[in-house]
């Protein structure tokens, strides 16, 4: 699995909560925070059907309303990055906020990786409807278009990423590399 963050950002994800006031560490957050480098929040300790509840700091049964959406997102992202797509979809589908672009993104990712590319594209499009500047969604969407053989649509996403963060950002580099590899066959 390709790491989707720089090492500095991953380190910040691990350290910043320790520096923040207690009220902030229990709150929600912005976009994708953390990669697969030790930032699963304890999810790796949980059994199938359970998620790490960051409030209680223990594994709990995954049920709608039993766990906050941030914990569901972290658990779903972790499962998706581990290749456990069905479990990720189940967990992410429990989120109360059906418009959270982070959750929609990993629902799209999980469906796409499980072979349901068209379903994944639908989730990516919905995520972009709520946050058109979410470059990770655009990178994954470009990969989905490549899976369908639609190089032009993938290049359109690359252009959109460039508009938002330039050619130096990780999402641009990853999608450019995927497009290049696809074209070389």
N, C-alpha and C. Protein backbone atom coordinates (compact mmCIF):
# COMPACT_ATOMS: atom_id res chain seq x y z
N UNK A 1 0.84 -1.18 0.00
CA UNK A 1 0.00 0.00 0.00
C UNK A 1 0.88 1.23 0.00
N UNK A 2 0.62 2.11 -0.94
CA UNK A 2 1.41 3.33 -0.99
C UNK A 2 1.04 4.24 0.17
N UNK A 3 2.04 4.82 0.78
CA UNK A 3 1.79 5.75 1.89
C UNK A 3 1.32 7.06 1.29
N UNK A 4 0.26 7.61 1.80
CA UNK A 4 -0.39 8.78 1.23
C UNK A 4 0.00 10.08 1.95
N UNK A 5 1.00 10.04 2.79
CA UNK A 5 1.40 11.25 3.52
C UNK A 5 2.91 11.33 3.58
N UNK A 6 3.40 12.51 3.81
CA UNK A 6 4.83 12.64 4.06
C UNK A 6 5.10 12.18 5.48
N UNK A 7 6.34 11.87 5.76
CA UNK A 7 6.70 11.42 7.11
C UNK A 7 6.45 12.55 8.11
N UNK A 8 6.68 13.78 7.69
CA UNK A 8 6.46 14.91 8.59
C UNK A 8 4.99 15.02 8.98
N UNK A 9 4.10 14.87 8.02
CA UNK A 9 2.67 14.95 8.31
C UNK A 9 2.25 13.80 9.22
N UNK A 10 2.80 12.62 8.99
CA UNK A 10 2.46 11.48 9.85
C UNK A 10 2.94 11.72 11.27
N UNK A 11 4.14 12.28 11.40
CA UNK A 11 4.65 12.58 12.73
C UNK A 11 3.79 13.63 13.41
N UNK A 12 3.36 14.64 12.64
CA UNK A 12 2.50 15.69 13.21
C UNK A 12 1.19 15.09 13.70
N UNK A 13 0.65 14.12 12.96
CA UNK A 13 -0.60 13.48 13.37
C UNK A 13 -0.44 12.80 14.73
N UNK A 14 0.71 12.22 14.94
CA UNK A 14 0.94 11.51 16.19
C UNK A 14 1.26 12.45 17.35
N UNK A 15 1.94 13.58 17.07
CA UNK A 15 2.42 14.45 18.12
C UNK A 15 1.43 15.55 18.48
N UNK A 16 0.75 16.13 17.50
CA UNK A 16 -0.13 17.27 17.76
C UNK A 16 -1.19 17.01 18.82
N UNK A 17 -1.85 15.85 18.83
CA UNK A 17 -2.84 15.63 19.88
C UNK A 17 -2.25 15.71 21.29
N UNK A 18 -0.99 15.37 21.42
CA UNK A 18 -0.35 15.43 22.73
C UNK A 18 -0.11 16.87 23.17
N UNK A 19 0.02 17.77 22.19
CA UNK A 19 0.27 19.16 22.49
C UNK A 19 -0.99 19.98 22.65
N UNK A 20 -2.10 19.50 22.09
CA UNK A 20 -3.34 20.26 22.11
C UNK A 20 -4.01 20.18 23.47
N UNK A 21 -4.89 21.13 23.71
CA UNK A 21 -5.67 21.12 24.96
C UNK A 21 -6.58 19.91 24.97
N UNK A 22 -6.92 19.36 26.15
CA UNK A 22 -7.76 18.17 26.22
C UNK A 22 -9.07 18.31 25.46
N UNK A 23 -9.68 19.49 25.46
CA UNK A 23 -10.95 19.65 24.75
C UNK A 23 -10.76 19.46 23.26
N UNK A 24 -9.60 19.84 22.74
CA UNK A 24 -9.37 19.70 21.31
C UNK A 24 -9.08 18.26 20.91
N UNK A 25 -8.44 17.50 21.75
CA UNK A 25 -8.09 16.14 21.38
C UNK A 25 -9.31 15.24 21.27
N UNK A 26 -10.42 15.61 21.87
CA UNK A 26 -11.63 14.81 21.78
C UNK A 26 -12.49 15.22 20.60
N UNK A 27 -12.15 16.32 19.94
CA UNK A 27 -13.01 16.86 18.89
C UNK A 27 -12.77 16.24 17.54
N UNK A 28 -13.53 16.73 16.56
CA UNK A 28 -13.44 16.26 15.20
C UNK A 28 -12.28 16.91 14.49
N UNK A 29 -12.17 16.66 13.22
CA UNK A 29 -11.05 17.20 12.49
C UNK A 29 -11.41 17.54 11.08
N UNK A 30 -10.41 17.90 10.32
CA UNK A 30 -10.60 18.31 8.95
C UNK A 30 -10.55 17.15 7.99
N UNK A 31 -9.56 17.16 7.11
CA UNK A 31 -9.49 16.16 6.07
C UNK A 31 -8.79 14.90 6.53
N UNK A 32 -8.13 14.23 5.60
CA UNK A 32 -7.40 13.03 5.92
C UNK A 32 -6.29 13.38 6.89
N UNK A 33 -6.30 12.74 8.01
CA UNK A 33 -5.24 12.98 8.99
C UNK A 33 -4.60 11.67 9.34
N UNK A 34 -3.40 11.49 8.87
CA UNK A 34 -2.69 10.27 9.21
C UNK A 34 -2.59 9.34 8.03
N UNK A 35 -1.58 8.52 8.08
CA UNK A 35 -1.38 7.51 7.06
C UNK A 35 -1.41 6.15 7.70
N UNK A 36 -0.76 5.22 7.08
CA UNK A 36 -0.78 3.87 7.63
C UNK A 36 0.38 3.62 8.58
N UNK A 37 1.20 4.62 8.83
CA UNK A 37 2.38 4.46 9.68
C UNK A 37 2.06 4.63 11.15
N UNK A 38 1.48 3.63 11.77
CA UNK A 38 1.24 3.67 13.20
C UNK A 38 0.14 4.61 13.63
N UNK A 39 -0.69 5.07 12.70
CA UNK A 39 -1.73 6.03 13.07
C UNK A 39 -3.12 5.41 13.01
N UNK A 40 -3.22 4.14 13.31
CA UNK A 40 -4.51 3.49 13.25
C UNK A 40 -5.34 3.76 14.50
N UNK A 41 -4.79 4.46 15.47
CA UNK A 41 -5.53 4.83 16.67
C UNK A 41 -5.92 3.65 17.53
N UNK A 42 -5.25 2.53 17.40
CA UNK A 42 -5.58 1.36 18.20
C UNK A 42 -6.44 0.35 17.46
N UNK A 43 -6.84 0.66 16.23
CA UNK A 43 -7.73 -0.21 15.47
C UNK A 43 -7.14 -1.59 15.29
N UNK A 44 -5.83 -1.68 15.20
CA UNK A 44 -5.21 -2.99 14.99
C UNK A 44 -5.41 -3.94 16.17
N UNK A 45 -5.87 -3.42 17.31
CA UNK A 45 -6.14 -4.25 18.48
C UNK A 45 -7.55 -4.84 18.46
N UNK A 46 -8.42 -4.30 17.61
CA UNK A 46 -9.83 -4.67 17.63
C UNK A 46 -10.12 -5.91 16.79
N UNK A 47 -11.11 -6.67 17.24
CA UNK A 47 -11.56 -7.85 16.50
C UNK A 47 -12.48 -7.42 15.37
N UNK A 48 -12.74 -8.35 14.46
CA UNK A 48 -13.67 -8.10 13.36
C UNK A 48 -15.02 -7.65 13.93
N UNK A 49 -15.56 -6.57 13.38
CA UNK A 49 -16.84 -6.05 13.84
C UNK A 49 -16.72 -5.05 14.97
N UNK A 50 -15.48 -4.74 15.36
CA UNK A 50 -15.26 -3.75 16.40
C UNK A 50 -14.45 -2.59 15.84
N UNK A 51 -14.58 -1.44 16.50
CA UNK A 51 -13.79 -0.26 16.14
C UNK A 51 -13.18 0.33 17.40
N UNK A 52 -12.07 1.03 17.21
CA UNK A 52 -11.40 1.71 18.31
C UNK A 52 -12.15 3.01 18.57
N UNK A 53 -12.69 3.14 19.77
CA UNK A 53 -13.39 4.35 20.17
C UNK A 53 -12.38 5.27 20.84
N UNK A 54 -12.08 6.38 20.17
CA UNK A 54 -11.04 7.26 20.70
C UNK A 54 -11.45 7.94 22.00
N UNK A 55 -12.74 8.02 22.26
CA UNK A 55 -13.20 8.64 23.51
C UNK A 55 -12.96 7.72 24.71
N UNK A 56 -13.33 6.46 24.56
CA UNK A 56 -13.17 5.52 25.67
C UNK A 56 -11.83 4.80 25.63
N UNK A 57 -11.12 4.95 24.50
CA UNK A 57 -9.81 4.32 24.29
C UNK A 57 -9.88 2.80 24.45
N UNK A 58 -10.92 2.22 23.83
CA UNK A 58 -11.02 0.76 23.82
C UNK A 58 -11.83 0.33 22.60
N UNK A 59 -11.77 -0.96 22.29
CA UNK A 59 -12.52 -1.51 21.19
C UNK A 59 -13.98 -1.67 21.61
N UNK A 60 -14.89 -1.27 20.74
CA UNK A 60 -16.32 -1.42 21.01
C UNK A 60 -16.97 -2.02 19.77
N UNK A 61 -18.13 -2.64 19.97
CA UNK A 61 -18.86 -3.19 18.85
C UNK A 61 -19.30 -2.07 17.92
N UNK A 62 -19.12 -2.27 16.63
CA UNK A 62 -19.49 -1.26 15.65
C UNK A 62 -21.01 -1.25 15.47
N UNK A 63 -21.62 -0.17 15.90
CA UNK A 63 -23.05 0.01 15.75
C UNK A 63 -23.31 1.47 15.44
N UNK A 64 -24.32 1.73 14.63
CA UNK A 64 -24.68 3.11 14.31
C UNK A 64 -24.99 3.85 15.60
N UNK A 65 -24.36 4.99 15.80
CA UNK A 65 -24.60 5.83 16.96
C UNK A 65 -23.79 5.45 18.19
N UNK A 66 -23.14 4.30 18.17
CA UNK A 66 -22.37 3.87 19.34
C UNK A 66 -20.99 4.51 19.37
N UNK A 67 -20.50 4.92 18.22
CA UNK A 67 -19.16 5.48 18.10
C UNK A 67 -19.25 6.73 17.24
N UNK A 68 -18.41 7.73 17.54
CA UNK A 68 -18.42 8.96 16.76
C UNK A 68 -17.89 8.72 15.34
N UNK A 69 -18.25 9.61 14.44
CA UNK A 69 -17.87 9.45 13.03
C UNK A 69 -16.36 9.48 12.83
N UNK A 70 -15.63 10.27 13.61
CA UNK A 70 -14.18 10.29 13.46
C UNK A 70 -13.57 8.92 13.76
N UNK A 71 -14.06 8.25 14.79
CA UNK A 71 -13.56 6.91 15.10
C UNK A 71 -13.93 5.93 14.00
N UNK A 72 -15.14 6.05 13.46
CA UNK A 72 -15.54 5.18 12.35
C UNK A 72 -14.67 5.43 11.12
N UNK A 73 -14.38 6.70 10.86
CA UNK A 73 -13.52 7.04 9.72
C UNK A 73 -12.13 6.43 9.90
N UNK A 74 -11.54 6.62 11.07
CA UNK A 74 -10.20 6.09 11.32
C UNK A 74 -10.18 4.56 11.19
N UNK A 75 -11.20 3.91 11.73
CA UNK A 75 -11.28 2.45 11.64
C UNK A 75 -11.47 2.01 10.19
N UNK A 76 -12.37 2.67 9.48
CA UNK A 76 -12.62 2.32 8.08
C UNK A 76 -11.40 2.53 7.21
N UNK A 77 -10.71 3.65 7.40
CA UNK A 77 -9.50 3.93 6.63
C UNK A 77 -8.45 2.86 6.92
N UNK A 78 -8.27 2.54 8.19
CA UNK A 78 -7.29 1.52 8.57
C UNK A 78 -7.62 0.19 7.87
N UNK A 79 -8.87 -0.24 7.96
CA UNK A 79 -9.27 -1.51 7.34
C UNK A 79 -9.07 -1.48 5.84
N UNK A 80 -9.41 -0.36 5.20
CA UNK A 80 -9.22 -0.24 3.75
C UNK A 80 -7.75 -0.34 3.39
N UNK A 81 -6.91 0.34 4.15
CA UNK A 81 -5.48 0.31 3.87
C UNK A 81 -4.87 -1.07 4.14
N UNK A 82 -5.54 -1.87 4.94
CA UNK A 82 -5.09 -3.25 5.20
C UNK A 82 -5.65 -4.23 4.16
N UNK A 83 -6.43 -3.72 3.21
CA UNK A 83 -7.02 -4.58 2.18
C UNK A 83 -8.27 -5.30 2.64
N UNK A 84 -8.84 -4.88 3.74
CA UNK A 84 -10.05 -5.50 4.29
C UNK A 84 -11.25 -4.65 3.88
N UNK A 85 -11.52 -4.65 2.57
CA UNK A 85 -12.48 -3.72 1.97
C UNK A 85 -13.91 -3.93 2.43
N UNK A 86 -14.35 -5.16 2.53
CA UNK A 86 -15.71 -5.43 2.99
C UNK A 86 -15.95 -4.91 4.40
N UNK A 87 -14.99 -5.16 5.28
CA UNK A 87 -15.11 -4.66 6.65
C UNK A 87 -15.09 -3.14 6.68
N UNK A 88 -14.24 -2.54 5.85
CA UNK A 88 -14.16 -1.08 5.79
C UNK A 88 -15.50 -0.49 5.36
N UNK A 89 -16.11 -1.08 4.36
CA UNK A 89 -17.40 -0.60 3.87
C UNK A 89 -18.45 -0.70 4.96
N UNK A 90 -18.46 -1.82 5.66
CA UNK A 90 -19.43 -2.01 6.75
C UNK A 90 -19.26 -0.94 7.82
N UNK A 91 -18.04 -0.69 8.23
CA UNK A 91 -17.76 0.28 9.29
C UNK A 91 -18.08 1.70 8.81
N UNK A 92 -17.60 2.06 7.65
CA UNK A 92 -17.81 3.43 7.14
C UNK A 92 -19.29 3.72 6.89
N UNK A 93 -20.05 2.70 6.55
CA UNK A 93 -21.49 2.88 6.30
C UNK A 93 -22.26 3.20 7.57
N UNK A 94 -21.64 3.01 8.73
CA UNK A 94 -22.31 3.32 10.00
C UNK A 94 -22.25 4.81 10.36
N UNK A 95 -21.48 5.58 9.64
CA UNK A 95 -21.31 7.00 9.97
C UNK A 95 -22.64 7.74 9.91
N UNK A 96 -22.84 8.62 10.86
CA UNK A 96 -24.06 9.43 10.91
C UNK A 96 -24.06 10.49 9.80
N UNK A 97 -22.89 11.08 9.53
CA UNK A 97 -22.78 12.13 8.52
C UNK A 97 -22.49 11.49 7.17
N UNK A 98 -23.52 11.34 6.38
CA UNK A 98 -23.39 10.70 5.06
C UNK A 98 -22.78 11.63 4.02
N UNK A 99 -22.43 12.86 4.44
CA UNK A 99 -21.84 13.82 3.51
C UNK A 99 -20.36 14.07 3.80
N UNK A 100 -19.77 13.39 4.78
CA UNK A 100 -18.38 13.60 5.14
C UNK A 100 -17.49 13.12 3.99
N UNK A 101 -16.77 14.04 3.34
CA UNK A 101 -15.95 13.65 2.18
C UNK A 101 -14.90 12.60 2.50
N UNK A 102 -14.38 12.60 3.73
CA UNK A 102 -13.37 11.59 4.10
C UNK A 102 -13.98 10.19 4.08
N UNK A 103 -15.19 10.09 4.61
CA UNK A 103 -15.87 8.79 4.64
C UNK A 103 -16.28 8.37 3.24
N UNK A 104 -16.82 9.31 2.46
CA UNK A 104 -17.19 9.01 1.09
C UNK A 104 -15.97 8.56 0.28
N UNK A 105 -14.83 9.22 0.52
CA UNK A 105 -13.60 8.86 -0.18
C UNK A 105 -13.20 7.41 0.09
N UNK A 106 -13.22 7.01 1.35
CA UNK A 106 -12.79 5.64 1.66
C UNK A 106 -13.86 4.60 1.33
N UNK A 107 -15.11 5.01 1.26
CA UNK A 107 -16.13 4.10 0.71
C UNK A 107 -15.83 3.88 -0.77
N UNK A 108 -15.51 4.95 -1.48
CA UNK A 108 -15.15 4.83 -2.89
C UNK A 108 -13.91 3.98 -3.08
N UNK A 109 -12.90 4.23 -2.28
CA UNK A 109 -11.65 3.48 -2.36
C UNK A 109 -11.91 1.99 -2.13
N UNK A 110 -12.67 1.68 -1.09
CA UNK A 110 -12.93 0.27 -0.74
C UNK A 110 -13.72 -0.44 -1.83
N UNK A 111 -14.73 0.22 -2.35
CA UNK A 111 -15.51 -0.40 -3.44
C UNK A 111 -14.63 -0.59 -4.68
N UNK A 112 -13.84 0.43 -5.02
CA UNK A 112 -12.97 0.33 -6.20
C UNK A 112 -11.98 -0.81 -6.05
N UNK A 113 -11.33 -0.89 -4.90
CA UNK A 113 -10.33 -1.94 -4.68
C UNK A 113 -10.97 -3.33 -4.62
N UNK A 114 -12.26 -3.38 -4.26
CA UNK A 114 -12.97 -4.66 -4.23
C UNK A 114 -13.51 -5.03 -5.62
N UNK A 115 -13.21 -4.20 -6.62
CA UNK A 115 -13.60 -4.52 -7.99
C UNK A 115 -14.85 -3.81 -8.47
N UNK A 116 -15.46 -3.00 -7.66
CA UNK A 116 -16.66 -2.25 -8.04
C UNK A 116 -16.28 -0.81 -8.37
N UNK A 117 -15.59 -0.65 -9.50
CA UNK A 117 -15.01 0.64 -9.88
C UNK A 117 -16.10 1.69 -10.08
N UNK A 118 -17.17 1.34 -10.74
CA UNK A 118 -18.24 2.31 -11.00
C UNK A 118 -18.88 2.78 -9.70
N UNK A 119 -19.09 1.89 -8.76
CA UNK A 119 -19.63 2.27 -7.45
C UNK A 119 -18.65 3.21 -6.76
N UNK A 120 -17.36 2.86 -6.82
CA UNK A 120 -16.34 3.72 -6.22
C UNK A 120 -16.36 5.11 -6.81
N UNK A 121 -16.48 5.21 -8.13
CA UNK A 121 -16.53 6.52 -8.78
C UNK A 121 -17.71 7.34 -8.29
N UNK A 122 -18.83 6.70 -8.04
CA UNK A 122 -19.99 7.41 -7.51
C UNK A 122 -19.70 8.03 -6.15
N UNK A 123 -19.02 7.30 -5.29
CA UNK A 123 -18.64 7.84 -3.98
C UNK A 123 -17.64 8.99 -4.12
N UNK A 124 -16.68 8.83 -5.04
CA UNK A 124 -15.71 9.91 -5.26
C UNK A 124 -16.41 11.18 -5.74
N UNK A 125 -17.35 11.02 -6.67
CA UNK A 125 -18.07 12.18 -7.19
C UNK A 125 -18.86 12.87 -6.08
N UNK A 126 -19.47 12.08 -5.22
CA UNK A 126 -20.23 12.66 -4.10
C UNK A 126 -19.28 13.38 -3.13
N UNK A 127 -18.12 12.82 -2.87
CA UNK A 127 -17.15 13.47 -1.99
C UNK A 127 -16.73 14.82 -2.58
N UNK A 128 -16.49 14.85 -3.89
CA UNK A 128 -16.08 16.10 -4.54
C UNK A 128 -17.21 17.12 -4.58
N UNK A 129 -18.44 16.65 -4.58
CA UNK A 129 -19.57 17.57 -4.52
C UNK A 129 -19.55 18.35 -3.20
N UNK A 130 -19.08 17.71 -2.15
CA UNK A 130 -19.02 18.34 -0.84
C UNK A 130 -17.69 19.08 -0.60
N UNK A 131 -16.63 18.65 -1.29
CA UNK A 131 -15.33 19.31 -1.15
C UNK A 131 -14.54 19.14 -2.46
N UNK A 132 -14.74 20.07 -3.40
CA UNK A 132 -14.06 19.95 -4.70
C UNK A 132 -12.55 20.08 -4.62
N UNK A 133 -12.02 20.54 -3.50
CA UNK A 133 -10.58 20.72 -3.35
C UNK A 133 -9.88 19.53 -2.70
N UNK A 134 -10.59 18.46 -2.49
CA UNK A 134 -10.05 17.27 -1.82
C UNK A 134 -9.19 16.50 -2.83
N UNK A 135 -7.89 16.76 -2.82
CA UNK A 135 -7.02 16.21 -3.85
C UNK A 135 -6.82 14.69 -3.74
N UNK A 136 -6.91 14.14 -2.55
CA UNK A 136 -6.77 12.68 -2.43
C UNK A 136 -7.91 11.97 -3.16
N UNK A 137 -9.11 12.52 -3.08
CA UNK A 137 -10.24 11.95 -3.83
C UNK A 137 -9.94 12.02 -5.31
N UNK A 138 -9.43 13.14 -5.76
CA UNK A 138 -9.12 13.30 -7.19
C UNK A 138 -8.04 12.31 -7.64
N UNK A 139 -7.07 12.06 -6.78
CA UNK A 139 -6.03 11.10 -7.14
C UNK A 139 -6.63 9.70 -7.26
N UNK A 140 -7.42 9.30 -6.29
CA UNK A 140 -8.07 7.98 -6.35
C UNK A 140 -9.02 7.89 -7.53
N UNK A 141 -9.73 8.97 -7.81
CA UNK A 141 -10.65 8.98 -8.94
C UNK A 141 -9.88 8.78 -10.25
N UNK A 142 -8.73 9.43 -10.36
CA UNK A 142 -7.90 9.24 -11.54
C UNK A 142 -7.47 7.78 -11.69
N UNK A 143 -7.12 7.14 -10.58
CA UNK A 143 -6.76 5.73 -10.63
C UNK A 143 -7.95 4.88 -11.09
N UNK A 144 -9.15 5.23 -10.62
CA UNK A 144 -10.35 4.50 -11.04
C UNK A 144 -10.57 4.64 -12.54
N UNK A 145 -10.40 5.86 -13.04
CA UNK A 145 -10.56 6.06 -14.49
C UNK A 145 -9.54 5.24 -15.28
N UNK A 146 -8.32 5.14 -14.76
CA UNK A 146 -7.33 4.31 -15.43
C UNK A 146 -7.74 2.85 -15.43
N UNK A 147 -8.35 2.40 -14.34
CA UNK A 147 -8.84 1.02 -14.29
C UNK A 147 -9.88 0.77 -15.39
N UNK A 148 -10.62 1.81 -15.73
CA UNK A 148 -11.63 1.70 -16.80
C UNK A 148 -11.03 1.97 -18.18
N UNK A 149 -9.75 2.33 -18.23
CA UNK A 149 -9.12 2.63 -19.50
C UNK A 149 -9.37 4.04 -19.99
N UNK A 150 -9.87 4.92 -19.16
CA UNK A 150 -10.20 6.29 -19.53
C UNK A 150 -9.06 7.23 -19.13
N UNK A 151 -8.03 7.26 -19.97
CA UNK A 151 -6.84 8.05 -19.68
C UNK A 151 -7.16 9.54 -19.67
N UNK A 152 -8.01 9.99 -20.57
CA UNK A 152 -8.35 11.42 -20.63
C UNK A 152 -9.00 11.90 -19.33
N UNK A 153 -9.90 11.10 -18.79
CA UNK A 153 -10.55 11.48 -17.52
C UNK A 153 -9.53 11.49 -16.38
N UNK A 154 -8.59 10.56 -16.40
CA UNK A 154 -7.53 10.54 -15.38
C UNK A 154 -6.67 11.79 -15.50
N UNK A 155 -6.35 12.18 -16.73
CA UNK A 155 -5.56 13.39 -16.95
C UNK A 155 -6.32 14.64 -16.50
N UNK A 156 -7.63 14.64 -16.66
CA UNK A 156 -8.44 15.77 -16.18
C UNK A 156 -8.30 15.90 -14.66
N UNK A 157 -8.32 14.78 -13.96
CA UNK A 157 -8.14 14.83 -12.50
C UNK A 157 -6.74 15.31 -12.14
N UNK A 158 -5.74 14.90 -12.92
CA UNK A 158 -4.37 15.37 -12.69
C UNK A 158 -4.31 16.89 -12.83
N UNK A 159 -4.97 17.43 -13.85
CA UNK A 159 -5.03 18.88 -14.04
C UNK A 159 -5.71 19.56 -12.87
N UNK A 160 -6.79 18.98 -12.38
CA UNK A 160 -7.51 19.55 -11.22
C UNK A 160 -6.65 19.52 -9.97
N UNK A 161 -5.88 18.47 -9.79
CA UNK A 161 -4.97 18.40 -8.64
C UNK A 161 -3.92 19.49 -8.76
N UNK A 162 -3.36 19.64 -9.96
CA UNK A 162 -2.33 20.66 -10.17
C UNK A 162 -2.86 22.06 -9.84
N UNK A 163 -4.09 22.35 -10.21
CA UNK A 163 -4.70 23.65 -9.92
C UNK A 163 -4.77 23.91 -8.41
N UNK A 164 -4.93 22.85 -7.63
CA UNK A 164 -5.16 22.99 -6.19
C UNK A 164 -3.88 22.94 -5.36
N UNK A 165 -2.89 22.17 -5.82
CA UNK A 165 -1.69 22.05 -4.99
C UNK A 165 -0.39 22.02 -5.78
N UNK A 166 -0.47 22.19 -7.07
CA UNK A 166 0.74 22.22 -7.88
C UNK A 166 1.28 20.84 -8.22
N UNK A 167 2.36 20.85 -8.99
CA UNK A 167 2.98 19.60 -9.41
C UNK A 167 3.83 18.97 -8.32
N UNK A 168 4.08 19.71 -7.24
CA UNK A 168 4.93 19.20 -6.18
C UNK A 168 4.21 18.42 -5.10
N UNK A 169 2.88 18.40 -5.12
CA UNK A 169 2.17 17.69 -4.05
C UNK A 169 2.14 16.18 -4.33
N UNK A 170 1.99 15.43 -3.28
CA UNK A 170 2.07 13.98 -3.37
C UNK A 170 0.98 13.39 -4.27
N UNK A 171 -0.24 13.90 -4.17
CA UNK A 171 -1.34 13.37 -4.99
C UNK A 171 -1.04 13.55 -6.47
N UNK A 172 -0.46 14.70 -6.85
CA UNK A 172 -0.10 14.93 -8.24
C UNK A 172 0.95 13.91 -8.67
N UNK A 173 1.98 13.77 -7.87
CA UNK A 173 3.07 12.85 -8.22
C UNK A 173 2.57 11.42 -8.36
N UNK A 174 1.73 10.98 -7.44
CA UNK A 174 1.23 9.60 -7.49
C UNK A 174 0.38 9.35 -8.72
N UNK A 175 -0.54 10.27 -9.03
CA UNK A 175 -1.40 10.07 -10.20
C UNK A 175 -0.60 10.20 -11.49
N UNK A 176 0.32 11.14 -11.56
CA UNK A 176 1.17 11.27 -12.75
C UNK A 176 1.94 9.98 -13.00
N UNK A 177 2.45 9.39 -11.93
CA UNK A 177 3.19 8.12 -12.03
C UNK A 177 2.26 7.00 -12.53
N UNK A 178 1.04 6.95 -12.01
CA UNK A 178 0.08 5.92 -12.44
C UNK A 178 -0.27 6.08 -13.92
N UNK A 179 -0.49 7.33 -14.34
CA UNK A 179 -0.82 7.59 -15.75
C UNK A 179 0.36 7.17 -16.64
N UNK A 180 1.57 7.55 -16.25
CA UNK A 180 2.75 7.21 -17.02
C UNK A 180 2.91 5.69 -17.14
N UNK A 181 2.74 4.99 -16.04
CA UNK A 181 2.85 3.52 -16.05
C UNK A 181 1.78 2.90 -16.94
N UNK A 182 0.57 3.46 -16.88
CA UNK A 182 -0.52 2.94 -17.70
C UNK A 182 -0.20 3.11 -19.19
N UNK A 183 0.31 4.30 -19.55
CA UNK A 183 0.61 4.57 -20.95
C UNK A 183 1.76 3.73 -21.47
N UNK A 184 2.68 3.37 -20.60
CA UNK A 184 3.82 2.52 -21.01
C UNK A 184 3.42 1.06 -21.10
N UNK A 185 2.26 0.75 -20.50
CA UNK A 185 1.71 -0.58 -20.60
C UNK A 185 2.40 -1.56 -19.74
